[in-house]
Amino acid sequence: MDAVEAGESHHITRNDTEVAELRPLTRRRKPSAQELVERHRRQPHVDHALIRREAEEFFTFDEYDPWECDRA
């Protein structure tokens, strides 16, 4: 295990046939704050007001609402 931690890979065999490979995990590097800012700047602009209008248009019902209770 020390050798694997040091970066070495080992092949596991059974009856002289390779059945597995033991190798170090690839660790993902955490992005820096600057990289995160740059990644955010490259994202497309989202028009929240437009999305809200479209959602209200789509989900607004002017017809009979079966869930509405009339307790007059």
Protein backbone atom coordinates (compact mmCIF):
# COMPACT_ATOMS: atom_id res chain seq x y z
CA MET A 1 0.00 0.00 0.00
CA ASP A 2 2.90 2.36 0.66
CA ALA A 3 4.09 1.86 -2.91
CA VAL A 4 0.61 2.60 -4.28
CA GLU A 5 0.41 5.74 -2.13
CA ALA A 6 3.76 6.73 -3.62
CA GLY A 7 2.24 6.49 -7.11
CA GLU A 8 3.08 2.96 -8.22
CA SER A 9 0.59 0.64 -9.93
CA HIS A 10 0.50 -3.13 -9.41
CA HIS A 11 -1.21 -5.89 -11.38
CA ILE A 12 -2.94 -8.67 -9.46
CA THR A 13 -2.80 -12.13 -11.01
CA ARG A 14 -4.50 -15.48 -10.45
CA ASN A 15 -2.84 -18.51 -12.03
CA ASP A 16 -0.55 -16.18 -14.02
CA THR A 17 -3.54 -14.30 -15.49
CA GLU A 18 -4.04 -10.62 -14.69
CA VAL A 19 -7.37 -10.11 -12.93
CA ALA A 20 -7.04 -6.63 -11.44
CA GLU A 21 -4.94 -3.50 -11.20
CA LEU A 22 -4.12 -1.72 -7.97
CA ARG A 23 -3.30 1.92 -8.60
CA PRO A 24 -3.51 5.26 -6.80
CA LEU A 25 -6.73 7.19 -7.01
CA THR A 26 -6.65 10.29 -9.16
CA ARG A 27 -7.39 13.19 -6.90
CA ARG A 28 -9.23 16.16 -8.34
CA ARG A 29 -7.66 19.48 -7.54
CA LYS A 30 -9.93 22.05 -5.90
CA PRO A 31 -10.29 25.15 -8.10
CA SER A 32 -9.00 28.44 -6.75
CA ALA A 33 -11.32 31.35 -6.01
CA GLN A 34 -10.10 33.10 -9.17
CA GLU A 35 -10.88 30.02 -11.30
CA LEU A 36 -14.38 29.87 -9.85
CA VAL A 37 -14.94 33.56 -10.63
CA GLU A 38 -13.76 33.05 -14.21
CA ARG A 39 -15.98 29.99 -14.61
CA HIS A 40 -18.95 32.00 -13.32
CA ARG A 41 -18.27 34.83 -15.80
CA ARG A 42 -18.39 32.38 -18.71
CA GLN A 43 -21.88 31.15 -17.78
CA PRO A 44 -24.76 32.42 -19.93
CA HIS A 45 -26.82 35.31 -18.61
CA VAL A 46 -30.14 34.30 -17.06
CA ASP A 47 -33.04 36.75 -17.31
CA HIS A 48 -34.89 35.94 -14.10
CA ALA A 49 -37.75 38.35 -14.84
CA LEU A 50 -38.39 36.68 -18.22
CA ILE A 51 -38.38 33.21 -16.66
CA ARG A 52 -40.84 34.40 -14.00
CA ARG A 53 -43.20 35.88 -16.64
CA GLU A 54 -43.09 32.73 -18.74
CA ALA A 55 -43.76 30.52 -15.72
CA GLU A 56 -46.71 32.66 -14.60
CA GLU A 57 -48.10 32.57 -18.15
CA PHE A 58 -47.76 28.82 -18.38
CA PHE A 59 -49.08 27.97 -14.91
CA THR A 60 -51.91 30.54 -14.67
CA PHE A 61 -55.38 29.08 -15.15
CA ASP A 62 -58.27 31.41 -15.97
CA GLU A 63 -60.66 28.51 -16.15
CA TYR A 64 -62.38 26.55 -13.41
CA ASP A 65 -59.98 25.45 -10.69
CA PRO A 66 -61.17 22.17 -9.12
CA TRP A 67 -58.97 22.74 -6.08
CA GLU A 68 -60.41 26.13 -5.25
CA CYS A 69 -62.83 26.03 -2.31
CA ASP A 70 -65.81 28.36 -2.37
CA ARG A 71 -66.92 28.81 1.24
CA ALA A 72 -69.46 31.57 0.76
